[in-house]
Amino acid sequence: PQFLLSGVLFPVSTLPEVLQPLVALMPLGYAVDALRLVFIQGADLA
């Protein structure tokens, strides 16, 4: 379920609305978001 709902396979924004709140419960979703910030945006701790 984390693979399907955390933005690995499907963009979170395209998930059915009833499933989107579940993403907040999934650690993998936070990790994918953080890695995108670092890998692509070049984000730092600021």
PDB file of all heavy atoms in Angstrom:
ATOM      1  N   PRO A   1       0.812  -1.226   0.000  1.00  0.00           N
ATOM      2  CA  PRO A   1       0.000   0.000   0.000  1.00  0.00           C
ATOM      3  C   PRO A   1       0.845   1.276   0.000  1.00  0.00           C
ATOM      4  O   PRO A   1       0.465   2.265  -0.639  1.00  0.00           O
ATOM      5  CB  PRO A   1      -0.817  -0.129   1.298  1.00  0.00           C
ATOM      6  CG  PRO A   1      -0.918  -1.594   1.529  1.00  0.00           C
ATOM      7  CD  PRO A   1       0.402  -2.141   1.081  1.00  0.00           C
ATOM      8  N   GLN A   2       1.977   1.263   0.684  1.00  0.00           N
ATOM      9  CA  GLN A   2       2.836   2.449   0.661  1.00  0.00           C
ATOM     10  C   GLN A   2       3.436   2.656  -0.729  1.00  0.00           C
ATOM     11  O   GLN A   2       3.597   3.795  -1.179  1.00  0.00           O
ATOM     12  CB  GLN A   2       3.950   2.313   1.700  1.00  0.00           C
ATOM     13  CG  GLN A   2       3.448   2.294   3.134  1.00  0.00           C
ATOM     14  CD  GLN A   2       4.560   2.539   4.131  1.00  0.00           C
ATOM     15  OE1 GLN A   2       5.188   3.582   4.149  1.00  0.00           O
ATOM     16  NE2 GLN A   2       4.800   1.551   4.989  1.00  0.00           N
ATOM     17  N   PHE A   3       3.757   1.561  -1.402  1.00  0.00           N
ATOM     18  CA  PHE A   3       4.275   1.659  -2.763  1.00  0.00           C
ATOM     19  C   PHE A   3       3.244   2.297  -3.690  1.00  0.00           C
ATOM     20  O   PHE A   3       3.587   3.100  -4.567  1.00  0.00           O
ATOM     21  CB  PHE A   3       4.646   0.260  -3.255  1.00  0.00           C
ATOM     22  CG  PHE A   3       5.099   0.212  -4.690  1.00  0.00           C
ATOM     23  CD1 PHE A   3       6.363   0.658  -5.052  1.00  0.00           C
ATOM     24  CD2 PHE A   3       4.261  -0.265  -5.676  1.00  0.00           C
ATOM     25  CE1 PHE A   3       6.777   0.619  -6.374  1.00  0.00           C
ATOM     26  CE2 PHE A   3       4.669  -0.316  -7.005  1.00  0.00           C
ATOM     27  CZ  PHE A   3       5.937   0.131  -7.350  1.00  0.00           C
ATOM     28  N   LEU A   4       1.972   1.970  -3.485  1.00  0.00           N
ATOM     29  CA  LEU A   4       0.916   2.473  -4.359  1.00  0.00           C
ATOM     30  C   LEU A   4       0.489   3.897  -4.016  1.00  0.00           C
ATOM     31  O   LEU A   4       0.068   4.651  -4.897  1.00  0.00           O
ATOM     32  CB  LEU A   4      -0.305   1.548  -4.288  1.00  0.00           C
ATOM     33  CG  LEU A   4      -0.115   0.109  -4.791  1.00  0.00           C
ATOM     34  CD1 LEU A   4      -1.383  -0.691  -4.566  1.00  0.00           C
ATOM     35  CD2 LEU A   4       0.274   0.097  -6.260  1.00  0.00           C
ATOM     36  N   LEU A   5       0.592   4.270  -2.735  1.00  0.00           N
ATOM     37  CA  LEU A   5      -0.013   5.523  -2.287  1.00  0.00           C
ATOM     38  C   LEU A   5       0.976   6.621  -1.920  1.00  0.00           C
ATOM     39  O   LEU A   5       0.559   7.726  -1.597  1.00  0.00           O
ATOM     40  CB  LEU A   5      -0.921   5.254  -1.076  1.00  0.00           C
ATOM     41  CG  LEU A   5      -2.053   4.241  -1.278  1.00  0.00           C
ATOM     42  CD1 LEU A   5      -2.837   4.071   0.013  1.00  0.00           C
ATOM     43  CD2 LEU A   5      -2.975   4.675  -2.406  1.00  0.00           C
ATOM     44  N   SER A   6       2.268   6.338  -1.958  1.00  0.00           N
ATOM     45  CA  SER A   6       3.250   7.315  -1.473  1.00  0.00           C
ATOM     46  C   SER A   6       3.947   8.076  -2.582  1.00  0.00           C
ATOM     47  O   SER A   6       5.000   8.678  -2.354  1.00  0.00           O
ATOM     48  CB  SER A   6       4.288   6.616  -0.584  1.00  0.00           C
ATOM     49  OG  SER A   6       3.678   6.095   0.572  1.00  0.00           O
ATOM     50  N   GLY A   7       3.415   8.038  -3.778  1.00  0.00           N
ATOM     51  CA  GLY A   7       4.019   8.775  -4.865  1.00  0.00           C
ATOM     52  C   GLY A   7       5.111   8.032  -5.591  1.00  0.00           C
ATOM     53  O   GLY A   7       5.805   8.609  -6.428  1.00  0.00           O
ATOM     54  N   VAL A   8       5.295   6.744  -5.286  1.00  0.00           N
ATOM     55  CA  VAL A   8       6.297   5.952  -5.987  1.00  0.00           C
ATOM     56  C   VAL A   8       5.800   5.575  -7.375  1.00  0.00           C
ATOM     57  O   VAL A   8       6.493   5.742  -8.376  1.00  0.00           O
ATOM     58  CB  VAL A   8       6.649   4.681  -5.183  1.00  0.00           C
ATOM     59  CG1 VAL A   8       7.679   3.836  -5.943  1.00  0.00           C
ATOM     60  CG2 VAL A   8       7.188   5.055  -3.817  1.00  0.00           C
ATOM     61  N   LEU A   9       4.570   5.079  -7.446  1.00  0.00           N
ATOM     62  CA  LEU A   9       3.998   4.627  -8.712  1.00  0.00           C
ATOM     63  C   LEU A   9       3.016   5.632  -9.290  1.00  0.00           C
ATOM     64  O   LEU A   9       3.033   5.907 -10.492  1.00  0.00           O
ATOM     65  CB  LEU A   9       3.305   3.273  -8.505  1.00  0.00           C
ATOM     66  CG  LEU A   9       2.800   2.563  -9.759  1.00  0.00           C
ATOM     67  CD1 LEU A   9       3.960   2.275 -10.706  1.00  0.00           C
ATOM     68  CD2 LEU A   9       2.095   1.257  -9.386  1.00  0.00           C
ATOM     69  N   PHE A  10       2.150   6.185  -8.443  1.00  0.00           N
ATOM     70  CA  PHE A  10       1.150   7.153  -8.887  1.00  0.00           C
ATOM     71  C   PHE A  10       1.401   8.493  -8.184  1.00  0.00           C
ATOM     72  O   PHE A  10       1.693   8.509  -6.992  1.00  0.00           O
ATOM     73  CB  PHE A  10      -0.267   6.674  -8.551  1.00  0.00           C
ATOM     74  CG  PHE A  10      -0.620   5.331  -9.121  1.00  0.00           C
ATOM     75  CD1 PHE A  10      -0.671   4.212  -8.300  1.00  0.00           C
ATOM     76  CD2 PHE A  10      -0.902   5.182 -10.467  1.00  0.00           C
ATOM     77  CE1 PHE A  10      -0.989   2.978  -8.815  1.00  0.00           C
ATOM     78  CE2 PHE A  10      -1.234   3.951 -10.995  1.00  0.00           C
ATOM     79  CZ  PHE A  10      -1.274   2.832 -10.168  1.00  0.00           C
ATOM     80  N   PRO A  11       1.270   9.618  -8.894  1.00  0.00           N
ATOM     81  CA  PRO A  11       1.351  10.917  -8.212  1.00  0.00           C
ATOM     82  C   PRO A  11       0.271  11.039  -7.144  1.00  0.00           C
ATOM     83  O   PRO A  11      -0.881  10.646  -7.369  1.00  0.00           O
ATOM     84  CB  PRO A  11       1.120  11.919  -9.345  1.00  0.00           C
ATOM     85  CG  PRO A  11       1.498  11.186 -10.596  1.00  0.00           C
ATOM     86  CD  PRO A  11       1.126   9.756 -10.351  1.00  0.00           C
ATOM     87  N   VAL A  12       0.634  11.540  -5.985  1.00  0.00           N
ATOM     88  CA  VAL A  12      -0.320  11.651  -4.880  1.00  0.00           C
ATOM     89  C   VAL A  12      -1.507  12.521  -5.269  1.00  0.00           C
ATOM     90  O   VAL A  12      -2.648  12.255  -4.887  1.00  0.00           O
ATOM     91  CB  VAL A  12       0.392  12.213  -3.626  1.00  0.00           C
ATOM     92  CG1 VAL A  12      -0.615  12.482  -2.512  1.00  0.00           C
ATOM     93  CG2 VAL A  12       1.461  11.247  -3.151  1.00  0.00           C
ATOM     94  N   SER A  13      -1.251  13.550  -6.060  1.00  0.00           N
ATOM     95  CA  SER A  13      -2.325  14.474  -6.425  1.00  0.00           C
ATOM     96  C   SER A  13      -3.388  13.834  -7.299  1.00  0.00           C
ATOM     97  O   SER A  13      -4.498  14.362  -7.414  1.00  0.00           O
ATOM     98  CB  SER A  13      -1.741  15.696  -7.139  1.00  0.00           C
ATOM     99  OG  SER A  13      -1.045  15.304  -8.315  1.00  0.00           O
ATOM    100  N   THR A  14      -3.081  12.701  -7.937  1.00  0.00           N
ATOM    101  CA  THR A  14      -4.051  12.045  -8.808  1.00  0.00           C
ATOM    102  C   THR A  14      -4.808  10.922  -8.114  1.00  0.00           C
ATOM    103  O   THR A  14      -5.678  10.303  -8.730  1.00  0.00           O
ATOM    104  CB  THR A  14      -3.358  11.481 -10.057  1.00  0.00           C
ATOM    105  OG1 THR A  14      -2.456  10.430  -9.664  1.00  0.00           O
ATOM    106  CG2 THR A  14      -2.586  12.562 -10.786  1.00  0.00           C
ATOM    107  N   LEU A  15      -4.483  10.638  -6.868  1.00  0.00           N
ATOM    108  CA  LEU A  15      -5.172   9.571  -6.150  1.00  0.00           C
ATOM    109  C   LEU A  15      -6.620   9.977  -5.873  1.00  0.00           C
ATOM    110  O   LEU A  15      -6.923  11.170  -5.758  1.00  0.00           O
ATOM    111  CB  LEU A  15      -4.474   9.278  -4.823  1.00  0.00           C
ATOM    112  CG  LEU A  15      -3.041   8.729  -4.891  1.00  0.00           C
ATOM    113  CD1 LEU A  15      -2.469   8.613  -3.485  1.00  0.00           C
ATOM    114  CD2 LEU A  15      -3.011   7.382  -5.589  1.00  0.00           C
ATOM    115  N   PRO A  16      -7.525   9.005  -5.750  1.00  0.00           N
ATOM    116  CA  PRO A  16      -8.889   9.339  -5.317  1.00  0.00           C
ATOM    117  C   PRO A  16      -8.862  10.087  -3.994  1.00  0.00           C
ATOM    118  O   PRO A  16      -8.024   9.816  -3.129  1.00  0.00           O
ATOM    119  CB  PRO A  16      -9.548   7.960  -5.177  1.00  0.00           C
ATOM    120  CG  PRO A  16      -8.781   7.069  -6.092  1.00  0.00           C
ATOM    121  CD  PRO A  16      -7.366   7.564  -6.041  1.00  0.00           C
ATOM    122  N   GLU A  17      -9.749  11.038  -3.824  1.00  0.00           N
ATOM    123  CA  GLU A  17      -9.734  11.902  -2.638  1.00  0.00           C
ATOM    124  C   GLU A  17      -9.829  11.103  -1.343  1.00  0.00           C
ATOM    125  O   GLU A  17      -9.255  11.482  -0.331  1.00  0.00           O
ATOM    126  CB  GLU A  17     -10.876  12.908  -2.718  1.00  0.00           C
ATOM    127  CG  GLU A  17     -10.694  13.970  -3.796  1.00  0.00           C
ATOM    128  CD  GLU A  17     -11.783  15.012  -3.755  1.00  0.00           C
ATOM    129  OE1 GLU A  17     -12.638  14.939  -2.861  1.00  0.00           O
ATOM    130  OE2 GLU A  17     -11.780  15.913  -4.627  1.00  0.00           O
ATOM    131  N   VAL A  18     -10.556   9.994  -1.362  1.00  0.00           N
ATOM    132  CA  VAL A  18     -10.731   9.219  -0.139  1.00  0.00           C
ATOM    133  C   VAL A  18      -9.422   8.573   0.308  1.00  0.00           C
ATOM    134  O   VAL A  18      -9.244   8.262   1.491  1.00  0.00           O
ATOM    135  CB  VAL A  18     -11.826   8.144  -0.345  1.00  0.00           C
ATOM    136  CG1 VAL A  18     -11.347   7.057  -1.306  1.00  0.00           C
ATOM    137  CG2 VAL A  18     -12.248   7.529   0.987  1.00  0.00           C
ATOM    138  N   LEU A  19      -8.467   8.389  -0.620  1.00  0.00           N
ATOM    139  CA  LEU A  19      -7.200   7.750  -0.281  1.00  0.00           C
ATOM    140  C   LEU A  19      -6.106   8.743   0.081  1.00  0.00           C
ATOM    141  O   LEU A  19      -5.136   8.374   0.745  1.00  0.00           O
ATOM    142  CB  LEU A  19      -6.713   6.883  -1.451  1.00  0.00           C
ATOM    143  CG  LEU A  19      -7.578   5.683  -1.836  1.00  0.00           C
ATOM    144  CD1 LEU A  19      -6.975   4.958  -3.034  1.00  0.00           C
ATOM    145  CD2 LEU A  19      -7.741   4.725  -0.664  1.00  0.00           C
ATOM    146  N   GLN A  20      -6.235   9.978  -0.344  1.00  0.00           N
ATOM    147  CA  GLN A  20      -5.152  10.941  -0.120  1.00  0.00           C
ATOM    148  C   GLN A  20      -4.828  11.176   1.357  1.00  0.00           C
ATOM    149  O   GLN A  20      -3.650  11.330   1.702  1.00  0.00           O
ATOM    150  CB  GLN A  20      -5.484  12.258  -0.827  1.00  0.00           C
ATOM    151  CG  GLN A  20      -5.438  12.147  -2.344  1.00  0.00           C
ATOM    152  CD  GLN A  20      -5.558  13.488  -3.038  1.00  0.00           C
ATOM    153  OE1 GLN A  20      -5.383  14.538  -2.444  1.00  0.00           O
ATOM    154  NE2 GLN A  20      -5.878  13.462  -4.327  1.00  0.00           N
ATOM    155  N   PRO A  21      -5.817  11.209   2.278  1.00  0.00           N
ATOM    156  CA  PRO A  21      -5.439  11.373   3.693  1.00  0.00           C
ATOM    157  C   PRO A  21      -4.575  10.239   4.229  1.00  0.00           C
ATOM    158  O   PRO A  21      -3.828  10.432   5.194  1.00  0.00           O
ATOM    159  CB  PRO A  21      -6.798  11.409   4.408  1.00  0.00           C
ATOM    160  CG  PRO A  21      -7.765  11.883   3.369  1.00  0.00           C
ATOM    161  CD  PRO A  21      -7.271  11.281   2.092  1.00  0.00           C
ATOM    162  N   LEU A  22      -4.632   9.049   3.620  1.00  0.00           N
ATOM    163  CA  LEU A  22      -3.831   7.924   4.089  1.00  0.00           C
ATOM    164  C   LEU A  22      -2.349   8.150   3.857  1.00  0.00           C
ATOM    165  O   LEU A  22      -1.513   7.563   4.548  1.00  0.00           O
ATOM    166  CB  LEU A  22      -4.275   6.633   3.393  1.00  0.00           C
ATOM    167  CG  LEU A  22      -5.723   6.187   3.624  1.00  0.00           C
ATOM    168  CD1 LEU A  22      -6.019   4.920   2.834  1.00  0.00           C
ATOM    169  CD2 LEU A  22      -5.995   5.968   5.108  1.00  0.00           C
ATOM    170  N   VAL A  23      -2.009   8.984   2.894  1.00  0.00           N
ATOM    171  CA  VAL A  23      -0.602   9.235   2.591  1.00  0.00           C
ATOM    172  C   VAL A  23       0.107   9.839   3.801  1.00  0.00           C
ATOM    173  O   VAL A  23       1.288   9.589   4.043  1.00  0.00           O
ATOM    174  CB  VAL A  23      -0.476  10.158   1.364  1.00  0.00           C
ATOM    175  CG1 VAL A  23       0.988  10.447   1.042  1.00  0.00           C
ATOM    176  CG2 VAL A  23      -1.164   9.520   0.157  1.00  0.00           C
ATOM    177  N   ALA A  24      -0.612  10.619   4.588  1.00  0.00           N
ATOM    178  CA  ALA A  24      -0.015  11.248   5.771  1.00  0.00           C
ATOM    179  C   ALA A  24       0.387  10.223   6.825  1.00  0.00           C
ATOM    180  O   ALA A  24       1.150  10.553   7.736  1.00  0.00           O
ATOM    181  CB  ALA A  24      -0.994  12.257   6.379  1.00  0.00           C
ATOM    182  N   LEU A  25      -0.107   8.992   6.718  1.00  0.00           N
ATOM    183  CA  LEU A  25       0.209   7.948   7.691  1.00  0.00           C
ATOM    184  C   LEU A  25       1.374   7.072   7.244  1.00  0.00           C
ATOM    185  O   LEU A  25       1.760   6.157   7.971  1.00  0.00           O
ATOM    186  CB  LEU A  25      -1.017   7.060   7.931  1.00  0.00           C
ATOM    187  CG  LEU A  25      -2.289   7.775   8.391  1.00  0.00           C
ATOM    188  CD1 LEU A  25      -3.436   6.780   8.505  1.00  0.00           C
ATOM    189  CD2 LEU A  25      -2.061   8.490   9.715  1.00  0.00           C
ATOM    190  N   MET A  26       1.931   7.337   6.076  1.00  0.00           N
ATOM    191  CA  MET A  26       2.907   6.430   5.480  1.00  0.00           C
ATOM    192  C   MET A  26       4.297   7.027   5.488  1.00  0.00           C
ATOM    193  O   MET A  26       4.551   8.058   4.848  1.00  0.00           O
ATOM    194  CB  MET A  26       2.475   6.083   4.053  1.00  0.00           C
ATOM    195  CG  MET A  26       1.131   5.390   4.019  1.00  0.00           C
ATOM    196  SD  MET A  26       0.622   4.899   2.384  1.00  0.00           S
ATOM    197  CE  MET A  26      -0.891   3.990   2.806  1.00  0.00           C
ATOM    198  N   PRO A  27       5.236   6.396   6.210  1.00  0.00           N
ATOM    199  CA  PRO A  27       6.607   6.933   6.276  1.00  0.00           C
ATOM    200  C   PRO A  27       7.262   7.064   4.911  1.00  0.00           C
ATOM    201  O   PRO A  27       8.015   8.006   4.674  1.00  0.00           O
ATOM    202  CB  PRO A  27       7.335   5.891   7.143  1.00  0.00           C
ATOM    203  CG  PRO A  27       6.262   5.196   7.910  1.00  0.00           C
ATOM    204  CD  PRO A  27       5.053   5.201   7.039  1.00  0.00           C
ATOM    205  N   LEU A  28       6.971   6.130   4.017  1.00  0.00           N
ATOM    206  CA  LEU A  28       7.606   6.171   2.706  1.00  0.00           C
ATOM    207  C   LEU A  28       7.238   7.454   1.959  1.00  0.00           C
ATOM    208  O   LEU A  28       8.055   8.001   1.213  1.00  0.00           O
ATOM    209  CB  LEU A  28       7.193   4.946   1.887  1.00  0.00           C
ATOM    210  CG  LEU A  28       7.866   4.781   0.524  1.00  0.00           C
ATOM    211  CD1 LEU A  28       9.379   4.710   0.665  1.00  0.00           C
ATOM    212  CD2 LEU A  28       7.337   3.548  -0.191  1.00  0.00           C
ATOM    213  N   GLY A  29       6.021   7.960   2.155  1.00  0.00           N
ATOM    214  CA  GLY A  29       5.610   9.193   1.500  1.00  0.00           C
ATOM    215  C   GLY A  29       6.462  10.375   1.928  1.00  0.00           C
ATOM    216  O   GLY A  29       6.839  11.224   1.093  1.00  0.00           O
ATOM    217  N   TYR A  30       6.783  10.464   3.220  1.00  0.00           N
ATOM    218  CA  TYR A  30       7.621  11.554   3.709  1.00  0.00           C
ATOM    219  C   TYR A  30       9.045  11.428   3.167  1.00  0.00           C
ATOM    220  O   TYR A  30       9.691  12.430   2.847  1.00  0.00           O
ATOM    221  CB  TYR A  30       7.640  11.571   5.235  1.00  0.00           C
ATOM    222  CG  TYR A  30       6.307  11.917   5.849  1.00  0.00           C
ATOM    223  CD1 TYR A  30       5.403  10.926   6.225  1.00  0.00           C
ATOM    224  CD2 TYR A  30       5.939  13.245   6.045  1.00  0.00           C
ATOM    225  CE1 TYR A  30       4.172  11.243   6.784  1.00  0.00           C
ATOM    226  CE2 TYR A  30       4.711  13.573   6.598  1.00  0.00           C
ATOM    227  CZ  TYR A  30       3.829  12.570   6.967  1.00  0.00           C
ATOM    228  OH  TYR A  30       2.615  12.886   7.506  1.00  0.00           O
ATOM    229  N   ALA A  31       9.539  10.184   3.074  1.00  0.00           N
ATOM    230  CA  ALA A  31      10.894   9.982   2.559  1.00  0.00           C
ATOM    231  C   ALA A  31      10.989  10.347   1.085  1.00  0.00           C
ATOM    232  O   ALA A  31      11.948  11.000   0.659  1.00  0.00           O
ATOM    233  CB  ALA A  31      11.316   8.528   2.767  1.00  0.00           C
ATOM    234  N   VAL A  32      10.006   9.934   0.293  1.00  0.00           N
ATOM    235  CA  VAL A  32      10.009  10.268  -1.132  1.00  0.00           C
ATOM    236  C   VAL A  32       9.939  11.776  -1.327  1.00  0.00           C
ATOM    237  O   VAL A  32      10.651  12.354  -2.158  1.00  0.00           O
ATOM    238  CB  VAL A  32       8.849   9.552  -1.852  1.00  0.00           C
ATOM    239  CG1 VAL A  32       8.697  10.074  -3.279  1.00  0.00           C
ATOM    240  CG2 VAL A  32       9.066   8.046  -1.864  1.00  0.00           C
ATOM    241  N   ASP A  33       9.092  12.434  -0.535  1.00  0.00           N
ATOM    242  CA  ASP A  33       8.979  13.893  -0.634  1.00  0.00           C
ATOM    243  C   ASP A  33      10.302  14.555  -0.276  1.00  0.00           C
ATOM    244  O   ASP A  33      10.762  15.475  -0.969  1.00  0.00           O
ATOM    245  CB  ASP A  33       7.873  14.375   0.290  1.00  0.00           C
ATOM    246  CG  ASP A  33       7.683  15.892   0.229  1.00  0.00           C
ATOM    247  OD1 ASP A  33       7.316  16.391  -0.845  1.00  0.00           O
ATOM    248  OD2 ASP A  33       7.912  16.569   1.256  1.00  0.00           O
ATOM    249  N   ALA A  34      10.933  14.094   0.804  1.00  0.00           N
ATOM    250  CA  ALA A  34      12.206  14.689   1.225  1.00  0.00           C
ATOM    251  C   ALA A  34      13.299  14.450   0.189  1.00  0.00           C
ATOM    252  O   ALA A  34      14.103  15.349  -0.104  1.00  0.00           O
ATOM    253  CB  ALA A  34      12.623  14.116   2.580  1.00  0.00           C
ATOM    254  N   LEU A  35      13.349  13.258  -0.370  1.00  0.00           N
ATOM    255  CA  LEU A  35      14.379  12.962  -1.361  1.00  0.00           C
ATOM    256  C   LEU A  35      14.175  13.779  -2.633  1.00  0.00           C
ATOM    257  O   LEU A  35      15.142  14.195  -3.276  1.00  0.00           O
ATOM    258  CB  LEU A  35      14.380  11.460  -1.679  1.00  0.00           C
ATOM    259  CG  LEU A  35      14.946  10.571  -0.575  1.00  0.00           C
ATOM    260  CD1 LEU A  35      14.770   9.095  -0.927  1.00  0.00           C
ATOM    261  CD2 LEU A  35      16.421  10.874  -0.336  1.00  0.00           C
ATOM    262  N   ARG A  36      12.928  14.013  -3.010  1.00  0.00           N
ATOM    263  CA  ARG A  36      12.686  14.868  -4.179  1.00  0.00           C
ATOM    264  C   ARG A  36      13.153  16.297  -3.906  1.00  0.00           C
ATOM    265  O   ARG A  36      13.714  16.955  -4.787  1.00  0.00           O
ATOM    266  CB  ARG A  36      11.203  14.839  -4.541  1.00  0.00           C
ATOM    267  CG  ARG A  36      10.792  13.568  -5.287  1.00  0.00           C
ATOM    268  CD  ARG A  36       9.336  13.557  -5.637  1.00  0.00           C
ATOM    269  NE  ARG A  36       9.003  12.391  -6.447  1.00  0.00           N
ATOM    270  CZ  ARG A  36       7.866  11.731  -6.390  1.00  0.00           C
ATOM    271  NH1 ARG A  36       6.918  12.118  -5.551  1.00  0.00           N
ATOM    272  NH2 ARG A  36       7.646  10.688  -7.170  1.00  0.00           N
ATOM    273  N   LEU A  37      12.907  16.762  -2.691  1.00  0.00           N
ATOM    274  CA  LEU A  37      13.360  18.110  -2.343  1.00  0.00           C
ATOM    275  C   LEU A  37      14.880  18.217  -2.442  1.00  0.00           C
ATOM    276  O   LEU A  37      15.418  19.213  -2.930  1.00  0.00           O
ATOM    277  CB  LEU A  37      12.889  18.475  -0.947  1.00  0.00           C
ATOM    278  CG  LEU A  37      11.383  18.694  -0.752  1.00  0.00           C
ATOM    279  CD1 LEU A  37      11.059  18.907   0.721  1.00  0.00           C
ATOM    280  CD2 LEU A  37      10.901  19.880  -1.569  1.00  0.00           C
ATOM    281  N   VAL A  38      15.579  17.185  -1.970  1.00  0.00           N
ATOM    282  CA  VAL A  38      17.043  17.220  -1.980  1.00  0.00           C
ATOM    283  C   VAL A  38      17.598  16.943  -3.370  1.00  0.00           C
ATOM    284  O   VAL A  38      18.457  17.672  -3.869  1.00  0.00           O
ATOM    285  CB  VAL A  38      17.606  16.204  -0.969  1.00  0.00           C
ATOM    286  CG1 VAL A  38      19.125  16.149  -1.053  1.00  0.00           C
ATOM    287  CG2 VAL A  38      17.179  16.570   0.453  1.00  0.00           C
ATOM    288  N   PHE A  39      17.099  15.881  -4.016  1.00  0.00           N
ATOM    289  CA  PHE A  39      17.634  15.473  -5.308  1.00  0.00           C
ATOM    290  C   PHE A  39      17.365  16.520  -6.391  1.00  0.00           C
ATOM    291  O   PHE A  39      18.253  16.840  -7.179  1.00  0.00           O
ATOM    292  CB  PHE A  39      17.001  14.143  -5.750  1.00  0.00           C
ATOM    293  CG  PHE A  39      17.702  12.928  -5.223  1.00  0.00           C
ATOM    294  CD1 PHE A  39      17.909  12.755  -3.872  1.00  0.00           C
ATOM    295  CD2 PHE A  39      18.138  11.935  -6.083  1.00  0.00           C
ATOM    296  CE1 PHE A  39      18.546  11.633  -3.378  1.00  0.00           C
ATOM    297  CE2 PHE A  39      18.776  10.811  -5.610  1.00  0.00           C
ATOM    298  CZ  PHE A  39      18.987  10.647  -4.255  1.00  0.00           C
ATOM    299  N   ILE A  40      16.135  17.023  -6.446  1.00  0.00           N
ATOM    300  CA  ILE A  40      15.704  17.832  -7.581  1.00  0.00           C
ATOM    301  C   ILE A  40      15.707  19.324  -7.268  1.00  0.00           C
ATOM    302  O   ILE A  40      16.119  20.145  -8.075  1.00  0.00           O
ATOM    303  CB  ILE A  40      14.305  17.385  -8.042  1.00  0.00           C
ATOM    304  CG1 ILE A  40      14.351  15.905  -8.459  1.00  0.00           C
ATOM    305  CG2 ILE A  40      13.808  18.241  -9.194  1.00  0.00           C
ATOM    306  CD1 ILE A  40      13.000  15.323  -8.805  1.00  0.00           C
ATOM    307  N   GLN A  41      15.224  19.684  -6.060  1.00  0.00           N
ATOM    308  CA  GLN A  41      15.131  21.104  -5.717  1.00  0.00           C
ATOM    309  C   GLN A  41      16.414  21.632  -5.094  1.00  0.00           C
ATOM    310  O   GLN A  41      16.649  22.838  -5.087  1.00  0.00           O
ATOM    311  CB  GLN A  41      13.952  21.327  -4.766  1.00  0.00           C
ATOM    312  CG  GLN A  41      13.698  22.779  -4.419  1.00  0.00           C
ATOM    313  CD  GLN A  41      12.437  22.963  -3.593  1.00  0.00           C
ATOM    314  OE1 GLN A  41      11.487  22.194  -3.723  1.00  0.00           O
ATOM    315  NE2 GLN A  41      12.422  23.964  -2.731  1.00  0.00           N
ATOM    316  N   GLY A  42      17.230  20.736  -4.567  1.00  0.00           N
ATOM    317  CA  GLY A  42      18.444  21.182  -3.901  1.00  0.00           C
ATOM    318  C   GLY A  42      18.173  21.782  -2.533  1.00  0.00           C
ATOM    319  O   GLY A  42      18.901  22.658  -2.071  1.00  0.00           O
ATOM    320  N   ALA A  43      17.119  21.322  -1.880  1.00  0.00           N
ATOM    321  CA  ALA A  43      16.719  21.876  -0.589  1.00  0.00           C
ATOM    322  C   ALA A  43      17.741  21.538   0.498  1.00  0.00           C
ATOM    323  O   ALA A  43      18.428  20.518   0.445  1.00  0.00           O
ATOM    324  CB  ALA A  43      15.340  21.345  -0.198  1.00  0.00           C
ATOM    325  N   ASP A  44      17.809  22.424   1.493  1.00  0.00           N
ATOM    326  CA  ASP A  44      18.629  22.163   2.674  1.00  0.00           C
ATOM    327  C   ASP A  44      17.743  22.296   3.902  1.00  0.00           C
ATOM    328  O   ASP A  44      16.518  22.391   3.799  1.00  0.00           O
ATOM    329  CB  ASP A  44      19.831  23.106   2.734  1.00  0.00           C
ATOM    330  CG  ASP A  44      19.414  24.573   2.659  1.00  0.00           C
ATOM    331  OD1 ASP A  44      18.252  24.897   3.004  1.00  0.00           O
ATOM    332  OD2 ASP A  44      20.245  25.408   2.249  1.00  0.00           O
ATOM    333  N   LEU A  45      18.352  22.306   5.080  1.00  0.00           N
ATOM    334  CA  LEU A  45      17.570  22.322   6.312  1.00  0.00           C
ATOM    335  C   LEU A  45      16.848  23.643   6.532  1.00  0.00           C
ATOM    336  O   LEU A  45      16.045  23.755   7.467  1.00  0.00           O
ATOM    337  CB  LEU A  45      18.484  22.018   7.503  1.00  0.00           C
ATOM    338  CG  LEU A  45      19.036  20.591   7.540  1.00  0.00           C
ATOM    339  CD1 LEU A  45      19.959  20.404   8.742  1.00  0.00           C
ATOM    340  CD2 LEU A  45      17.900  19.563   7.590  1.00  0.00           C
ATOM    341  N   ALA A  46      17.089  24.631   5.712  1.00  0.00           N
ATOM    342  CA  ALA A  46      16.338  25.884   5.817  1.00  0.00           C
ATOM    343  C   ALA A  46      14.927  25.741   5.274  1.00  0.00           C
ATOM    344  O   ALA A  46      14.074  26.589   5.540  1.00  0.00           O
ATOM    345  CB  ALA A  46      17.074  26.997   5.071  1.00  0.00           C
TER     346      ALA A  46
END
